[in-house]
Amino acid sequence: MFEALCKGFRNESGDSSKGNEVDLFLSLWKSPWSDEAKDERETDFEILNNVTPATGAAYEWVSSGCESIH
């Protein structure tokens, strides 16, 4: 499942056989956001560069293949 999701976020400028884990992470991170309060949202740059314990752990989970934590 992980590979299929990453391929859906494939980076066209890179190797077409590899998925884009960064875009998958960003999509999952922003998935609970509503359309309200658009001005209060973090940009992709802020999410990736202002690393918090939560974003760091979430990115590590995605980059390790979204393995089951149970």
N, C-alpha and C. Protein backbone atom coordinates (compact mmCIF):
# COMPACT_ATOMS: atom_id res chain seq x y z
N MET A 1 0.83 -1.18 0.00
CA MET A 1 0.00 0.00 0.00
C MET A 1 0.88 1.25 0.00
N PHE A 2 1.93 1.24 0.80
CA PHE A 2 2.82 2.39 0.90
C PHE A 2 3.40 2.77 -0.46
N GLU A 3 3.88 1.77 -1.19
CA GLU A 3 4.48 2.04 -2.50
C GLU A 3 3.46 2.62 -3.47
N ALA A 4 2.23 2.13 -3.42
CA ALA A 4 1.18 2.65 -4.30
C ALA A 4 0.87 4.10 -3.96
N LEU A 5 0.80 4.42 -2.68
CA LEU A 5 0.54 5.80 -2.28
C LEU A 5 1.68 6.71 -2.72
N CYS A 6 2.90 6.28 -2.52
CA CYS A 6 4.05 7.10 -2.94
C CYS A 6 4.06 7.30 -4.44
N LYS A 7 3.73 6.28 -5.19
CA LYS A 7 3.71 6.43 -6.65
C LYS A 7 2.66 7.45 -7.08
N GLY A 8 1.59 7.57 -6.30
CA GLY A 8 0.58 8.58 -6.58
C GLY A 8 1.11 9.99 -6.41
N PHE A 9 2.19 10.13 -5.66
CA PHE A 9 2.82 11.43 -5.44
C PHE A 9 4.18 11.49 -6.10
N ARG A 10 4.35 10.74 -7.17
CA ARG A 10 5.63 10.65 -7.88
C ARG A 10 6.12 12.04 -8.30
N ASN A 11 7.38 12.28 -8.09
CA ASN A 11 8.03 13.53 -8.48
C ASN A 11 8.44 13.40 -9.94
N GLU A 12 7.79 14.14 -10.81
CA GLU A 12 8.04 14.01 -12.24
C GLU A 12 9.45 14.41 -12.64
N SER A 13 10.13 15.20 -11.82
CA SER A 13 11.48 15.61 -12.19
C SER A 13 12.52 14.57 -11.77
N GLY A 14 12.09 13.58 -10.99
CA GLY A 14 13.03 12.57 -10.51
C GLY A 14 12.82 11.24 -11.20
N ASP A 15 13.27 10.20 -10.55
CA ASP A 15 13.15 8.84 -11.07
C ASP A 15 11.68 8.44 -11.03
N SER A 16 11.12 8.13 -12.19
CA SER A 16 9.69 7.85 -12.26
C SER A 16 9.30 6.54 -11.59
N SER A 17 10.27 5.71 -11.23
CA SER A 17 9.93 4.45 -10.58
C SER A 17 9.79 4.59 -9.07
N LYS A 18 10.23 5.72 -8.55
CA LYS A 18 10.18 5.93 -7.10
C LYS A 18 9.06 6.89 -6.75
N GLY A 19 8.44 6.67 -5.61
CA GLY A 19 7.40 7.56 -5.14
C GLY A 19 7.97 8.76 -4.43
N ASN A 20 7.13 9.69 -4.15
CA ASN A 20 7.55 10.91 -3.48
C ASN A 20 7.05 10.88 -2.05
N GLU A 21 7.90 10.48 -1.13
CA GLU A 21 7.52 10.36 0.28
C GLU A 21 7.23 11.72 0.90
N VAL A 22 7.91 12.76 0.45
CA VAL A 22 7.70 14.10 1.01
C VAL A 22 6.28 14.57 0.72
N ASP A 23 5.84 14.43 -0.53
CA ASP A 23 4.48 14.86 -0.87
C ASP A 23 3.43 14.00 -0.18
N LEU A 24 3.70 12.70 -0.03
CA LEU A 24 2.78 11.84 0.72
C LEU A 24 2.69 12.32 2.16
N PHE A 25 3.83 12.60 2.79
CA PHE A 25 3.84 13.11 4.16
C PHE A 25 3.02 14.40 4.26
N LEU A 26 3.28 15.36 3.36
CA LEU A 26 2.57 16.64 3.42
C LEU A 26 1.06 16.43 3.26
N SER A 27 0.67 15.57 2.36
CA SER A 27 -0.75 15.31 2.16
C SER A 27 -1.39 14.72 3.40
N LEU A 28 -0.72 13.75 4.01
CA LEU A 28 -1.26 13.15 5.23
C LEU A 28 -1.28 14.15 6.37
N TRP A 29 -0.24 14.97 6.49
CA TRP A 29 -0.15 15.96 7.57
C TRP A 29 -1.28 16.98 7.47
N LYS A 30 -1.59 17.38 6.25
CA LYS A 30 -2.60 18.42 6.05
C LYS A 30 -4.01 17.86 5.89
N SER A 31 -4.18 16.55 5.87
CA SER A 31 -5.50 15.95 5.61
C SER A 31 -6.60 16.36 6.59
N PRO A 32 -6.32 16.62 7.86
CA PRO A 32 -7.42 17.02 8.74
C PRO A 32 -7.79 18.50 8.64
N TRP A 33 -7.07 19.26 7.84
CA TRP A 33 -7.34 20.70 7.74
C TRP A 33 -8.66 20.94 7.02
N SER A 34 -9.43 21.85 7.56
CA SER A 34 -10.67 22.24 6.89
C SER A 34 -10.37 23.41 5.95
N ASP A 35 -11.31 23.73 5.11
CA ASP A 35 -11.13 24.86 4.20
C ASP A 35 -11.24 26.19 4.93
N GLU A 36 -11.78 26.16 6.13
CA GLU A 36 -11.84 27.36 6.96
C GLU A 36 -10.45 27.65 7.50
N ALA A 37 -10.19 28.86 7.84
CA ALA A 37 -8.92 29.29 8.45
C ALA A 37 -7.71 29.03 7.55
N LYS A 38 -7.86 29.25 6.25
CA LYS A 38 -6.75 29.05 5.33
C LYS A 38 -5.56 29.92 5.68
N ASP A 39 -5.80 31.11 6.20
CA ASP A 39 -4.72 32.04 6.52
C ASP A 39 -3.88 31.58 7.70
N GLU A 40 -4.42 30.69 8.52
CA GLU A 40 -3.72 30.23 9.72
C GLU A 40 -2.88 28.97 9.48
N ARG A 41 -2.96 28.41 8.31
CA ARG A 41 -2.25 27.17 8.01
C ARG A 41 -0.77 27.41 7.78
N GLU A 42 0.01 26.39 8.10
CA GLU A 42 1.43 26.41 7.79
C GLU A 42 1.62 26.16 6.30
N THR A 43 2.65 26.74 5.74
CA THR A 43 3.00 26.43 4.35
C THR A 43 3.77 25.12 4.33
N ASP A 44 3.91 24.53 3.15
CA ASP A 44 4.72 23.32 3.01
C ASP A 44 6.14 23.58 3.50
N PHE A 45 6.68 24.73 3.14
CA PHE A 45 8.04 25.08 3.57
C PHE A 45 8.13 25.10 5.10
N GLU A 46 7.16 25.70 5.77
CA GLU A 46 7.17 25.76 7.23
C GLU A 46 7.05 24.37 7.85
N ILE A 47 6.20 23.54 7.29
CA ILE A 47 6.03 22.18 7.83
C ILE A 47 7.33 21.41 7.74
N LEU A 48 8.01 21.52 6.60
CA LEU A 48 9.24 20.75 6.38
C LEU A 48 10.46 21.34 7.05
N ASN A 49 10.47 22.63 7.32
CA ASN A 49 11.67 23.27 7.85
C ASN A 49 11.59 23.69 9.31
N ASN A 50 10.40 23.80 9.86
CA ASN A 50 10.23 24.10 11.28
C ASN A 50 9.83 22.80 11.98
N VAL A 51 10.78 21.92 12.10
CA VAL A 51 10.50 20.57 12.58
C VAL A 51 10.16 20.60 14.07
N THR A 52 9.03 20.00 14.39
CA THR A 52 8.61 19.83 15.78
C THR A 52 8.72 18.34 16.10
N PRO A 53 8.60 17.96 17.36
CA PRO A 53 8.59 16.52 17.66
C PRO A 53 7.49 15.78 16.89
N ALA A 54 6.33 16.42 16.73
CA ALA A 54 5.22 15.76 16.02
C ALA A 54 5.51 15.60 14.53
N THR A 55 5.98 16.66 13.88
CA THR A 55 6.25 16.54 12.45
C THR A 55 7.44 15.62 12.19
N GLY A 56 8.42 15.66 13.06
CA GLY A 56 9.58 14.78 12.92
C GLY A 56 9.19 13.32 13.03
N ALA A 57 8.37 13.01 14.02
CA ALA A 57 7.92 11.62 14.20
C ALA A 57 7.03 11.17 13.05
N ALA A 58 6.17 12.06 12.59
CA ALA A 58 5.28 11.71 11.48
C ALA A 58 6.07 11.49 10.20
N TYR A 59 7.05 12.34 9.94
CA TYR A 59 7.86 12.17 8.73
C TYR A 59 8.68 10.88 8.81
N GLU A 60 9.22 10.60 9.96
CA GLU A 60 9.99 9.37 10.15
C GLU A 60 9.11 8.15 9.89
N TRP A 61 7.87 8.19 10.37
CA TRP A 61 6.95 7.08 10.15
C TRP A 61 6.67 6.89 8.67
N VAL A 62 6.40 7.99 7.95
CA VAL A 62 6.13 7.89 6.51
C VAL A 62 7.37 7.39 5.78
N SER A 63 8.53 7.98 6.08
CA SER A 63 9.75 7.61 5.34
C SER A 63 10.21 6.18 5.64
N SER A 64 9.73 5.61 6.74
CA SER A 64 10.08 4.22 7.04
C SER A 64 9.05 3.24 6.49
N GLY A 65 8.12 3.72 5.70
CA GLY A 65 7.17 2.83 5.03
C GLY A 65 5.82 2.73 5.69
N CYS A 66 5.49 3.65 6.60
CA CYS A 66 4.19 3.67 7.27
C CYS A 66 3.90 2.32 7.96
N GLU A 67 4.91 1.81 8.62
CA GLU A 67 4.74 0.52 9.28
C GLU A 67 3.74 0.61 10.40
N SER A 68 3.06 -0.49 10.64
CA SER A 68 2.07 -0.56 11.70
C SER A 68 2.73 -0.27 13.04
N ILE A 69 2.08 0.55 13.85
CA ILE A 69 2.63 0.88 15.17
C ILE A 69 1.93 0.12 16.29
N HIS A 70 1.09 -0.81 15.91
CA HIS A 70 0.38 -1.62 16.91
C HIS A 70 1.02 -2.97 17.03
